[in-house]
């Protein structure tokens, strides 16, 4: 199902390493899914982009749901993206006192709507 959703989808653990990516996510970076799994986000995103979203990562790993817009250049074209990060807790964890074990992320290209 995740590979047929028109969005970039991934699961990232608390160490900020990819544990799952759908085909669209991997394709966005011109890579295969299995190439990304296990890699830290900063290696895939690059230093500049990672630095721009690092505060959002801090927020989601504190247990906050985070949504934001960002612009990225892909193939020489400016793309407008909308991202949502949702924290994930271990089974039986208490979200009021336990930190998330990771987070789900979904990114939509909203360039057409922005125009």
PDB file of N, CA and C in Angstrom:
ATOM      1  N   UNK A   1       0.833  -1.184   0.000  1.00  0.00           N
ATOM      2  CA  UNK A   1       0.000   0.000   0.000  1.00  0.00           C
ATOM      3  C   UNK A   1       0.878   1.249   0.000  1.00  0.00           C
ATOM      4  N   UNK A   2       1.907   1.261   0.842  1.00  0.00           N
ATOM      5  CA  UNK A   2       2.750   2.456   0.960  1.00  0.00           C
ATOM      6  C   UNK A   2       3.410   2.829  -0.364  1.00  0.00           C
ATOM      7  N   UNK A   3       3.691   1.839  -1.198  1.00  0.00           N
ATOM      8  CA  UNK A   3       4.330   2.141  -2.476  1.00  0.00           C
ATOM      9  C   UNK A   3       3.361   2.709  -3.497  1.00  0.00           C
ATOM     10  N   UNK A   4       2.065   2.624  -3.239  1.00  0.00           N
ATOM     11  CA  UNK A   4       1.072   3.150  -4.172  1.00  0.00           C
ATOM     12  C   UNK A   4       0.463   4.469  -3.730  1.00  0.00           C
ATOM     13  N   UNK A   5       0.826   4.939  -2.555  1.00  0.00           N
ATOM     14  CA  UNK A   5       0.360   6.236  -2.065  1.00  0.00           C
ATOM     15  C   UNK A   5       1.186   7.317  -2.778  1.00  0.00           C
ATOM     16  N   UNK A   6       0.534   8.373  -3.258  1.00  0.00           N
ATOM     17  CA  UNK A   6       1.290   9.424  -3.961  1.00  0.00           C
ATOM     18  C   UNK A   6       1.997  10.373  -3.000  1.00  0.00           C
ATOM     19  N   UNK A   7       2.842   9.823  -2.145  1.00  0.00           N
ATOM     20  CA  UNK A   7       3.590  10.610  -1.164  1.00  0.00           C
ATOM     21  C   UNK A   7       4.885   9.886  -0.825  1.00  0.00           C
ATOM     22  N   UNK A   8       5.819  10.644  -0.302  1.00  0.00           N
ATOM     23  CA  UNK A   8       7.054  10.068   0.199  1.00  0.00           C
ATOM     24  C   UNK A   8       6.791   9.658   1.645  1.00  0.00           C
ATOM     25  N   UNK A   9       7.009   8.378   1.958  1.00  0.00           N
ATOM     26  CA  UNK A   9       6.715   7.843   3.284  1.00  0.00           C
ATOM     27  C   UNK A   9       7.955   7.149   3.824  1.00  0.00           C
ATOM     28  N   UNK A  10       8.216   7.368   5.118  1.00  0.00           N
ATOM     29  CA  UNK A  10       9.351   6.700   5.762  1.00  0.00           C
ATOM     30  C   UNK A  10       9.070   6.531   7.249  1.00  0.00           C
ATOM     31  N   UNK A  11       9.808   5.612   7.847  1.00  0.00           N
ATOM     32  CA  UNK A  11       9.837   5.464   9.301  1.00  0.00           C
ATOM     33  C   UNK A  11      11.283   5.652   9.710  1.00  0.00           C
ATOM     34  N   UNK A  12      11.491   6.506  10.715  1.00  0.00           N
ATOM     35  CA  UNK A  12      12.826   6.838  11.190  1.00  0.00           C
ATOM     36  C   UNK A  12      12.882   6.533  12.689  1.00  0.00           C
ATOM     37  N   UNK A  13      13.952   5.888  13.132  1.00  0.00           N
ATOM     38  CA  UNK A  13      14.057   5.561  14.557  1.00  0.00           C
ATOM     39  C   UNK A  13      14.593   6.754  15.358  1.00  0.00           C
ATOM     40  N   UNK A  14      14.683   6.586  16.665  1.00  0.00           N
ATOM     41  CA  UNK A  14      15.109   7.672  17.545  1.00  0.00           C
ATOM     42  C   UNK A  14      16.559   8.093  17.300  1.00  0.00           C
ATOM     43  N   UNK A  15      17.354   7.242  16.656  1.00  0.00           N
ATOM     44  CA  UNK A  15      18.720   7.599  16.293  1.00  0.00           C
ATOM     45  C   UNK A  15      18.784   8.297  14.939  1.00  0.00           C
ATOM     46  N   UNK A  16      17.594   8.590  14.377  1.00  0.00           N
ATOM     47  CA  UNK A  16      17.459   9.298  13.103  1.00  0.00           C
ATOM     48  C   UNK A  16      17.997   8.489  11.927  1.00  0.00           C
ATOM     49  N   UNK A  17      17.770   7.180  12.006  1.00  0.00           N
ATOM     50  CA  UNK A  17      18.138   6.273  10.913  1.00  0.00           C
ATOM     51  C   UNK A  17      16.856   5.748  10.271  1.00  0.00           C
ATOM     52  N   UNK A  18      16.893   5.640   8.961  1.00  0.00           N
ATOM     53  CA  UNK A  18      15.740   5.112   8.238  1.00  0.00           C
ATOM     54  C   UNK A  18      15.565   3.628   8.551  1.00  0.00           C
ATOM     55  N   UNK A  19      14.345   3.236   8.880  1.00  0.00           N
ATOM     56  CA  UNK A  19      13.996   1.829   9.097  1.00  0.00           C
ATOM     57  C   UNK A  19      13.044   1.326   8.024  1.00  0.00           C
ATOM     58  N   UNK A  20      12.375   2.256   7.342  1.00  0.00           N
ATOM     59  CA  UNK A  20      11.493   1.928   6.217  1.00  0.00           C
ATOM     60  C   UNK A  20      11.389   3.157   5.335  1.00  0.00           C
ATOM     61  N   UNK A  21      11.398   2.931   4.030  1.00  0.00           N
ATOM     62  CA  UNK A  21      11.073   3.986   3.056  1.00  0.00           C
ATOM     63  C   UNK A  21      10.243   3.351   1.950  1.00  0.00           C
ATOM     64  N   UNK A  22       9.269   4.101   1.448  1.00  0.00           N
ATOM     65  CA  UNK A  22       8.526   3.571   0.310  1.00  0.00           C
ATOM     66  C   UNK A  22       9.292   3.874  -0.980  1.00  0.00           C
ATOM     67  N   UNK A  23       8.813   3.314  -2.066  1.00  0.00           N
ATOM     68  CA  UNK A  23       9.514   3.461  -3.340  1.00  0.00           C
ATOM     69  C   UNK A  23       9.595   4.920  -3.786  1.00  0.00           C
ATOM     70  N   UNK A  24       8.551   5.695  -3.533  1.00  0.00           N
ATOM     71  CA  UNK A  24       8.576   7.110  -3.924  1.00  0.00           C
ATOM     72  C   UNK A  24       9.641   7.880  -3.134  1.00  0.00           C
ATOM     73  N   UNK A  25       9.784   7.546  -1.861  1.00  0.00           N
ATOM     74  CA  UNK A  25      10.803   8.215  -1.055  1.00  0.00           C
ATOM     75  C   UNK A  25      12.191   7.895  -1.612  1.00  0.00           C
ATOM     76  N   UNK A  26      12.458   6.631  -1.813  1.00  0.00           N
ATOM     77  CA  UNK A  26      13.762   6.225  -2.354  1.00  0.00           C
ATOM     78  C   UNK A  26      13.990   6.819  -3.740  1.00  0.00           C
ATOM     79  N   UNK A  27      12.959   6.794  -4.567  1.00  0.00           N
ATOM     80  CA  UNK A  27      13.070   7.338  -5.920  1.00  0.00           C
ATOM     81  C   UNK A  27      13.360   8.827  -5.935  1.00  0.00           C
ATOM     82  N   UNK A  28      12.844   9.551  -4.947  1.00  0.00           N
ATOM     83  CA  UNK A  28      13.102  10.986  -4.858  1.00  0.00           C
ATOM     84  C   UNK A  28      14.602  11.258  -4.756  1.00  0.00           C
ATOM     85  N   UNK A  29      15.316  10.327  -4.139  1.00  0.00           N
ATOM     86  CA  UNK A  29      16.765  10.452  -3.975  1.00  0.00           C
ATOM     87  C   UNK A  29      17.536   9.594  -4.984  1.00  0.00           C
ATOM     88  N   UNK A  30      16.800   9.093  -5.991  1.00  0.00           N
ATOM     89  CA  UNK A  30      17.399   8.266  -7.049  1.00  0.00           C
ATOM     90  C   UNK A  30      18.146   7.062  -6.478  1.00  0.00           C
ATOM     91  N   UNK A  31      17.510   6.412  -5.495  1.00  0.00           N
ATOM     92  CA  UNK A  31      18.113   5.247  -4.856  1.00  0.00           C
ATOM     93  C   UNK A  31      17.060   4.167  -4.712  1.00  0.00           C
ATOM     94  N   UNK A  32      17.497   2.976  -4.363  1.00  0.00           N
ATOM     95  CA  UNK A  32      16.588   1.864  -4.067  1.00  0.00           C
ATOM     96  C   UNK A  32      16.260   1.891  -2.576  1.00  0.00           C
ATOM     97  N   UNK A  33      15.099   1.360  -2.220  1.00  0.00           N
ATOM     98  CA  UNK A  33      14.664   1.339  -0.816  1.00  0.00           C
ATOM     99  C   UNK A  33      15.715   0.721   0.090  1.00  0.00           C
ATOM    100  N   UNK A  34      16.241  -0.432  -0.309  1.00  0.00           N
ATOM    101  CA  UNK A  34      17.191  -1.135   0.559  1.00  0.00           C
ATOM    102  C   UNK A  34      18.513  -0.391   0.716  1.00  0.00           C
ATOM    103  N   UNK A  35      18.797   0.557  -0.159  1.00  0.00           N
ATOM    104  CA  UNK A  35      20.006   1.377  -0.006  1.00  0.00           C
ATOM    105  C   UNK A  35      19.853   2.401   1.115  1.00  0.00           C
ATOM    106  N   UNK A  36      18.625   2.829   1.378  1.00  0.00           N
ATOM    107  CA  UNK A  36      18.389   3.873   2.371  1.00  0.00           C
ATOM    108  C   UNK A  36      18.183   3.325   3.784  1.00  0.00           C
ATOM    109  N   UNK A  37      17.602   2.132   3.879  1.00  0.00           N
ATOM    110  CA  UNK A  37      17.308   1.561   5.190  1.00  0.00           C
ATOM    111  C   UNK A  37      18.614   1.366   5.966  1.00  0.00           C
ATOM    112  N   UNK A  38      18.646   1.919   7.167  1.00  0.00           N
ATOM    113  CA  UNK A  38      19.828   1.853   8.025  1.00  0.00           C
ATOM    114  C   UNK A  38      20.699   3.098   7.971  1.00  0.00           C
ATOM    115  N   UNK A  39      20.518   3.922   6.944  1.00  0.00           N
ATOM    116  CA  UNK A  39      21.334   5.131   6.838  1.00  0.00           C
ATOM    117  C   UNK A  39      20.787   6.238   7.734  1.00  0.00           C
ATOM    118  N   UNK A  40      21.676   7.080   8.280  1.00  0.00           N
ATOM    119  CA  UNK A  40      21.212   8.238   9.031  1.00  0.00           C
ATOM    120  C   UNK A  40      20.639   9.286   8.073  1.00  0.00           C
ATOM    121  N   UNK A  41      19.651  10.009   8.546  1.00  0.00           N
ATOM    122  CA  UNK A  41      18.990  11.005   7.709  1.00  0.00           C
ATOM    123  C   UNK A  41      19.967  12.021   7.125  1.00  0.00           C
ATOM    124  N   UNK A  42      20.932  12.468   7.913  1.00  0.00           N
ATOM    125  CA  UNK A  42      21.841  13.514   7.429  1.00  0.00           C
ATOM    126  C   UNK A  42      22.639  13.060   6.211  1.00  0.00           C
ATOM    127  N   UNK A  43      22.921  11.754   6.104  1.00  0.00           N
ATOM    128  CA  UNK A  43      23.649  11.246   4.935  1.00  0.00           C
ATOM    129  C   UNK A  43      22.800  11.307   3.679  1.00  0.00           C
ATOM    130  N   UNK A  44      21.527  11.068   3.821  1.00  0.00           N
ATOM    131  CA  UNK A  44      20.622  11.043   2.664  1.00  0.00           C
ATOM    132  C   UNK A  44      20.212  12.453   2.269  1.00  0.00           C
ATOM    133  N   UNK A  45      19.881  13.274   3.256  1.00  0.00           N
ATOM    134  CA  UNK A  45      19.354  14.610   2.978  1.00  0.00           C
ATOM    135  C   UNK A  45      20.428  15.626   2.629  1.00  0.00           C
ATOM    136  N   UNK A  46      21.634  15.413   3.099  1.00  0.00           N
ATOM    137  CA  UNK A  46      22.691  16.400   2.900  1.00  0.00           C
ATOM    138  C   UNK A  46      22.709  17.385   4.054  1.00  0.00           C
ATOM    139  N   UNK A  47      23.852  17.973   4.296  1.00  0.00           N
ATOM    140  CA  UNK A  47      24.063  18.828   5.468  1.00  0.00           C
ATOM    141  C   UNK A  47      23.120  20.025   5.513  1.00  0.00           C
ATOM    142  N   UNK A  48      22.949  20.720   4.399  1.00  0.00           N
ATOM    143  CA  UNK A  48      22.127  21.939   4.390  1.00  0.00           C
ATOM    144  C   UNK A  48      20.658  21.639   4.678  1.00  0.00           C
ATOM    145  N   UNK A  49      20.118  20.649   3.980  1.00  0.00           N
ATOM    146  CA  UNK A  49      18.703  20.310   4.183  1.00  0.00           C
ATOM    147  C   UNK A  49      18.487  19.721   5.575  1.00  0.00           C
ATOM    148  N   UNK A  50      19.408  18.885   6.017  1.00  0.00           N
ATOM    149  CA  UNK A  50      19.280  18.298   7.348  1.00  0.00           C
ATOM    150  C   UNK A  50      19.287  19.385   8.419  1.00  0.00           C
ATOM    151  N   UNK A  51      20.185  20.353   8.297  1.00  0.00           N
ATOM    152  CA  UNK A  51      20.250  21.450   9.269  1.00  0.00           C
ATOM    153  C   UNK A  51      18.944  22.242   9.295  1.00  0.00           C
ATOM    154  N   UNK A  52      18.310  22.395   8.147  1.00  0.00           N
ATOM    155  CA  UNK A  52      17.064  23.157   8.071  1.00  0.00           C
ATOM    156  C   UNK A  52      15.913  22.458   8.791  1.00  0.00           C
ATOM    157  N   UNK A  53      15.905  21.122   8.781  1.00  0.00           N
ATOM    158  CA  UNK A  53      14.794  20.401   9.419  1.00  0.00           C
ATOM    159  C   UNK A  53      15.150  19.853  10.798  1.00  0.00           C
ATOM    160  N   UNK A  54      16.387  19.987  11.223  1.00  0.00           N
ATOM    161  CA  UNK A  54      16.814  19.433  12.520  1.00  0.00           C
ATOM    162  C   UNK A  54      15.922  19.873  13.681  1.00  0.00           C
ATOM    163  N   UNK A  55      15.510  21.139  13.764  1.00  0.00           N
ATOM    164  CA  UNK A  55      14.607  21.521  14.858  1.00  0.00           C
ATOM    165  C   UNK A  55      13.273  20.764  14.815  1.00  0.00           C
ATOM    166  N   UNK A  56      12.783  20.459  13.636  1.00  0.00           N
ATOM    167  CA  UNK A  56      11.536  19.691  13.496  1.00  0.00           C
ATOM    168  C   UNK A  56      11.745  18.256  13.987  1.00  0.00           C
ATOM    169  N   UNK A  57      12.918  17.704  13.715  1.00  0.00           N
ATOM    170  CA  UNK A  57      13.243  16.358  14.181  1.00  0.00           C
ATOM    171  C   UNK A  57      13.318  16.337  15.705  1.00  0.00           C
ATOM    172  N   UNK A  58      13.918  17.370  16.281  1.00  0.00           N
ATOM    173  CA  UNK A  58      13.973  17.469  17.738  1.00  0.00           C
ATOM    174  C   UNK A  58      12.566  17.476  18.321  1.00  0.00           C
ATOM    175  N   UNK A  59      11.671  18.243  17.697  1.00  0.00           N
ATOM    176  CA  UNK A  59      10.288  18.347  18.191  1.00  0.00           C
ATOM    177  C   UNK A  59       9.571  17.006  18.137  1.00  0.00           C
ATOM    178  N   UNK A  60       9.651  16.312  17.017  1.00  0.00           N
ATOM    179  CA  UNK A  60       8.921  15.040  16.898  1.00  0.00           C
ATOM    180  C   UNK A  60       9.504  13.999  17.841  1.00  0.00           C
ATOM    181  N   UNK A  61      10.800  14.034  18.072  1.00  0.00           N
ATOM    182  CA  UNK A  61      11.413  13.061  18.972  1.00  0.00           C
ATOM    183  C   UNK A  61      11.225  13.427  20.448  1.00  0.00           C
ATOM    184  N   UNK A  62      10.609  14.587  20.686  1.00  0.00           N
ATOM    185  CA  UNK A  62      10.133  14.934  22.032  1.00  0.00           C
ATOM    186  C   UNK A  62       8.661  14.555  22.187  1.00  0.00           C
ATOM    187  N   UNK A  63       8.052  14.051  21.107  1.00  0.00           N
ATOM    188  CA  UNK A  63       6.675  13.590  21.184  1.00  0.00           C
ATOM    189  C   UNK A  63       5.647  14.494  20.549  1.00  0.00           C
ATOM    190  N   UNK A  64       6.081  15.522  19.856  1.00  0.00           N
ATOM    191  CA  UNK A  64       5.149  16.443  19.209  1.00  0.00           C
ATOM    192  C   UNK A  64       4.859  16.004  17.774  1.00  0.00           C
ATOM    193  N   UNK A  65       3.623  16.157  17.340  1.00  0.00           N
ATOM    194  CA  UNK A  65       3.290  15.992  15.929  1.00  0.00           C
ATOM    195  C   UNK A  65       3.696  17.288  15.238  1.00  0.00           C
ATOM    196  N   UNK A  66       4.381  17.163  14.118  1.00  0.00           N
ATOM    197  CA  UNK A  66       4.947  18.332  13.448  1.00  0.00           C
ATOM    198  C   UNK A  66       4.489  18.360  11.994  1.00  0.00           C
ATOM    199  N   UNK A  67       4.034  19.511  11.536  1.00  0.00           N
ATOM    200  CA  UNK A  67       3.731  19.729  10.116  1.00  0.00           C
ATOM    201  C   UNK A  67       4.399  21.021   9.691  1.00  0.00           C
ATOM    202  N   UNK A  68       4.946  21.018   8.481  1.00  0.00           N
ATOM    203  CA  UNK A  68       5.612  22.213   7.985  1.00  0.00           C
ATOM    204  C   UNK A  68       5.742  22.141   6.464  1.00  0.00           C
ATOM    205  N   UNK A  69       5.989  23.289   5.870  1.00  0.00           N
ATOM    206  CA  UNK A  69       6.224  23.388   4.436  1.00  0.00           C
ATOM    207  C   UNK A  69       7.693  23.699   4.208  1.00  0.00           C
ATOM    208  N   UNK A  70       8.214  23.230   3.099  1.00  0.00           N
ATOM    209  CA  UNK A  70       9.592  23.517   2.744  1.00  0.00           C
ATOM    210  C   UNK A  70       9.721  23.537   1.236  1.00  0.00           C
ATOM    211  N   UNK A  71      10.705  24.251   0.773  1.00  0.00           N
ATOM    212  CA  UNK A  71      11.010  24.297  -0.648  1.00  0.00           C
ATOM    213  C   UNK A  71      12.304  23.545  -0.890  1.00  0.00           C
ATOM    214  N   UNK A  72      12.318  22.735  -1.937  1.00  0.00           N
ATOM    215  CA  UNK A  72      13.521  22.003  -2.318  1.00  0.00           C
ATOM    216  C   UNK A  72      13.720  22.161  -3.822  1.00  0.00           C
ATOM    217  N   UNK A  73      14.954  22.110  -4.231  1.00  0.00           N
ATOM    218  CA  UNK A  73      15.247  22.134  -5.658  1.00  0.00           C
ATOM    219  C   UNK A  73      15.523  20.710  -6.086  1.00  0.00           C
ATOM    220  N   UNK A  74      14.768  20.262  -7.075  1.00  0.00           N
ATOM    221  CA  UNK A  74      14.934  18.901  -7.578  1.00  0.00           C
ATOM    222  C   UNK A  74      15.006  18.967  -9.093  1.00  0.00           C
ATOM    223  N   UNK A  75      16.061  18.414  -9.649  1.00  0.00           N
ATOM    224  CA  UNK A  75      16.285  18.450 -11.101  1.00  0.00           C
ATOM    225  C   UNK A  75      16.215  19.871 -11.639  1.00  0.00           C
ATOM    226  N   UNK A  76      16.766  20.817 -10.871  1.00  0.00           N
ATOM    227  CA  UNK A  76      16.819  22.205 -11.300  1.00  0.00           C
ATOM    228  C   UNK A  76      15.502  22.966 -11.173  1.00  0.00           C
ATOM    229  N   UNK A  77      14.493  22.345 -10.588  1.00  0.00           N
ATOM    230  CA  UNK A  77      13.182  22.984 -10.455  1.00  0.00           C
ATOM    231  C   UNK A  77      12.823  23.132  -8.984  1.00  0.00           C
ATOM    232  N   UNK A  78      12.284  24.295  -8.615  1.00  0.00           N
ATOM    233  CA  UNK A  78      11.845  24.528  -7.255  1.00  0.00           C
ATOM    234  C   UNK A  78      10.557  23.766  -6.998  1.00  0.00           C
ATOM    235  N   UNK A  79      10.552  22.945  -5.952  1.00  0.00           N
ATOM    236  CA  UNK A  79       9.371  22.152  -5.573  1.00  0.00           C
ATOM    237  C   UNK A  79       8.918  22.579  -4.187  1.00  0.00           C
ATOM    238  N   UNK A  80       7.620  22.742  -4.012  1.00  0.00           N
ATOM    239  CA  UNK A  80       7.033  23.080  -2.717  1.00  0.00           C
ATOM    240  C   UNK A  80       6.526  21.784  -2.093  1.00  0.00           C
ATOM    241  N   UNK A  81       6.964  21.512  -0.878  1.00  0.00           N
ATOM    242  CA  UNK A  81       6.635  20.260  -0.217  1.00  0.00           C
ATOM    243  C   UNK A  81       5.934  20.546   1.115  1.00  0.00           C
ATOM    244  N   UNK A  82       5.043  19.632   1.503  1.00  0.00           N
ATOM    245  CA  UNK A  82       4.404  19.692   2.815  1.00  0.00           C
ATOM    246  C   UNK A  82       4.769  18.401   3.539  1.00  0.00           C
ATOM    247  N   UNK A  83       5.306  18.531   4.750  1.00  0.00           N
ATOM    248  CA  UNK A  83       5.757  17.372   5.521  1.00  0.00           C
ATOM    249  C   UNK A  83       4.962  17.250   6.811  1.00  0.00           C
ATOM    250  N   UNK A  84       4.723  16.002   7.215  1.00  0.00           N
ATOM    251  CA  UNK A  84       4.093  15.699   8.497  1.00  0.00           C
ATOM    252  C   UNK A  84       4.917  14.616   9.170  1.00  0.00           C
ATOM    253  N   UNK A  85       5.279  14.843  10.430  1.00  0.00           N
ATOM    254  CA  UNK A  85       6.026  13.888  11.232  1.00  0.00           C
ATOM    255  C   UNK A  85       5.146  13.498  12.423  1.00  0.00           C
ATOM    256  N   UNK A  86       4.972  12.196  12.625  1.00  0.00           N
ATOM    257  CA  UNK A  86       4.139  11.698  13.722  1.00  0.00           C
ATOM    258  C   UNK A  86       4.956  10.791  14.618  1.00  0.00           C
ATOM    259  N   UNK A  87       5.064  11.126  15.919  1.00  0.00           N
ATOM    260  CA  UNK A  87       5.871  10.308  16.831  1.00  0.00           C
ATOM    261  C   UNK A  87       5.287   8.911  17.010  1.00  0.00           C
ATOM    262  N   UNK A  88       6.154   7.958  17.318  1.00  0.00           N
ATOM    263  CA  UNK A  88       5.757   6.567  17.525  1.00  0.00           C
ATOM    264  C   UNK A  88       6.364   6.079  18.839  1.00  0.00           C
ATOM    265  N   UNK A  89       5.514   5.489  19.679  1.00  0.00           N
ATOM    266  CA  UNK A  89       5.977   4.975  20.967  1.00  0.00           C
ATOM    267  C   UNK A  89       5.974   3.456  20.963  1.00  0.00           C
ATOM    268  N   UNK A  90       6.816   2.876  21.776  1.00  0.00           N
ATOM    269  CA  UNK A  90       6.853   1.422  21.952  1.00  0.00           C
ATOM    270  C   UNK A  90       5.531   0.971  22.579  1.00  0.00           C
ATOM    271  N   UNK A  91       5.170  -0.271  22.310  1.00  0.00           N
ATOM    272  CA  UNK A  91       3.960  -0.837  22.902  1.00  0.00           C
ATOM    273  C   UNK A  91       4.050  -0.728  24.422  1.00  0.00           C
ATOM    274  N   UNK A  92       3.006  -0.242  25.040  1.00  0.00           N
ATOM    275  CA  UNK A  92       2.964  -0.123  26.487  1.00  0.00           C
ATOM    276  C   UNK A  92       3.629   1.123  27.042  1.00  0.00           C
ATOM    277  N   UNK A  93       4.228   1.935  26.180  1.00  0.00           N
ATOM    278  CA  UNK A  93       4.885   3.156  26.645  1.00  0.00           C
ATOM    279  C   UNK A  93       3.839   4.182  27.069  1.00  0.00           C
ATOM    280  N   UNK A  94       4.238   5.061  27.947  1.00  0.00           N
ATOM    281  CA  UNK A  94       3.387   6.158  28.385  1.00  0.00           C
ATOM    282  C   UNK A  94       3.888   7.433  27.698  1.00  0.00           C
ATOM    283  N   UNK A  95       3.163   7.932  26.689  1.00  0.00           N
ATOM    284  CA  UNK A  95       3.623   9.125  25.963  1.00  0.00           C
ATOM    285  C   UNK A  95       3.833  10.356  26.840  1.00  0.00           C
ATOM    286  N   UNK A  96       3.230  10.379  28.018  1.00  0.00           N
ATOM    287  CA  UNK A  96       3.420  11.543  28.888  1.00  0.00           C
ATOM    288  C   UNK A  96       4.787  11.529  29.586  1.00  0.00           C
ATOM    289  N   UNK A  97       5.452  10.376  29.605  1.00  0.00           N
ATOM    290  CA  UNK A  97       6.761  10.326  30.266  1.00  0.00           C
ATOM    291  C   UNK A  97       7.840   9.591  29.464  1.00  0.00           C
ATOM    292  N   UNK A  98       7.447   8.750  28.503  1.00  0.00           N
ATOM    293  CA  UNK A  98       8.419   7.994  27.711  1.00  0.00           C
ATOM    294  C   UNK A  98       8.675   8.682  26.381  1.00  0.00           C
ATOM    295  N   UNK A  99       9.929   8.708  25.948  1.00  0.00           N
ATOM    296  CA  UNK A  99      10.215   9.321  24.640  1.00  0.00           C
ATOM    297  C   UNK A  99       9.783   8.386  23.507  1.00  0.00           C
ATOM    298  N   UNK A 100       9.507   8.952  22.341  1.00  0.00           N
ATOM    299  CA  UNK A 100       9.182   8.114  21.181  1.00  0.00           C
ATOM    300  C   UNK A 100      10.371   7.230  20.801  1.00  0.00           C
ATOM    301  N   UNK A 101      10.070   6.094  20.175  1.00  0.00           N
ATOM    302  CA  UNK A 101      11.120   5.211  19.664  1.00  0.00           C
ATOM    303  C   UNK A 101      11.459   5.557  18.220  1.00  0.00           C
ATOM    304  N   UNK A 102      10.677   6.455  17.640  1.00  0.00           N
ATOM    305  CA  UNK A 102      10.889   6.879  16.273  1.00  0.00           C
ATOM    306  C   UNK A 102       9.712   7.708  15.807  1.00  0.00           C
ATOM    307  N   UNK A 103       9.634   7.885  14.495  1.00  0.00           N
ATOM    308  CA  UNK A 103       8.510   8.645  13.954  1.00  0.00           C
ATOM    309  C   UNK A 103       8.227   8.230  12.512  1.00  0.00           C
ATOM    310  N   UNK A 104       6.971   8.431  12.139  1.00  0.00           N
ATOM    311  CA  UNK A 104       6.521   8.221  10.766  1.00  0.00           C
ATOM    312  C   UNK A 104       6.584   9.573  10.072  1.00  0.00           C
ATOM    313  N   UNK A 105       6.976   9.571   8.826  1.00  0.00           N
ATOM    314  CA  UNK A 105       6.958  10.831   8.089  1.00  0.00           C
ATOM    315  C   UNK A 105       6.285  10.629   6.740  1.00  0.00           C
ATOM    316  N   UNK A 106       5.594  11.671   6.321  1.00  0.00           N
ATOM    317  CA  UNK A 106       4.945  11.694   5.016  1.00  0.00           C
ATOM    318  C   UNK A 106       5.173  13.061   4.417  1.00  0.00           C
ATOM    319  N   UNK A 107       5.627  13.097   3.171  1.00  0.00           N
ATOM    320  CA  UNK A 107       5.907  14.347   2.477  1.00  0.00           C
ATOM    321  C   UNK A 107       5.145  14.334   1.162  1.00  0.00           C
ATOM    322  N   UNK A 108       4.392  15.418   0.928  1.00  0.00           N
ATOM    323  CA  UNK A 108       3.631  15.571  -0.310  1.00  0.00           C
ATOM    324  C   UNK A 108       4.221  16.719  -1.126  1.00  0.00           C
ATOM    325  N   UNK A 109       4.320  16.512  -2.423  1.00  0.00           N
ATOM    326  CA  UNK A 109       4.710  17.585  -3.332  1.00  0.00           C
ATOM    327  C   UNK A 109       3.448  18.401  -3.603  1.00  0.00           C
ATOM    328  N   UNK A 110       3.430  19.655  -3.140  1.00  0.00           N
ATOM    329  CA  UNK A 110       2.256  20.525  -3.308  1.00  0.00           C
ATOM    330  C   UNK A 110       2.551  21.672  -4.272  1.00  0.00           C
ATOM    331  N   UNK A 111       3.503  21.469  -5.161  1.00  0.00           N
ATOM    332  CA  UNK A 111       3.906  22.504  -6.093  1.00  0.00           C
ATOM    333  C   UNK A 111       2.728  22.986  -6.936  1.00  0.00           C
ATOM    334  N   UNK A 112       1.941  22.061  -7.461  1.00  0.00           N
ATOM    335  CA  UNK A 112       0.807  22.450  -8.310  1.00  0.00           C
ATOM    336  C   UNK A 112      -0.196  23.302  -7.541  1.00  0.00           C
ATOM    337  N   UNK A 113      -0.482  22.940  -6.304  1.00  0.00           N
ATOM    338  CA  UNK A 113      -1.424  23.689  -5.488  1.00  0.00           C
ATOM    339  C   UNK A 113      -0.853  25.068  -5.127  1.00  0.00           C
ATOM    340  N   UNK A 114       0.450  25.145  -4.910  1.00  0.00           N
ATOM    341  CA  UNK A 114       1.094  26.406  -4.533  1.00  0.00           C
ATOM    342  C   UNK A 114       1.064  27.401  -5.684  1.00  0.00           C
ATOM    343  N   UNK A 115       1.077  26.897  -6.911  1.00  0.00           N
ATOM    344  CA  UNK A 115       1.054  27.784  -8.066  1.00  0.00           C
ATOM    345  C   UNK A 115      -0.319  28.347  -8.241  1.00  0.00           C
TER     346      UNK A 115
END
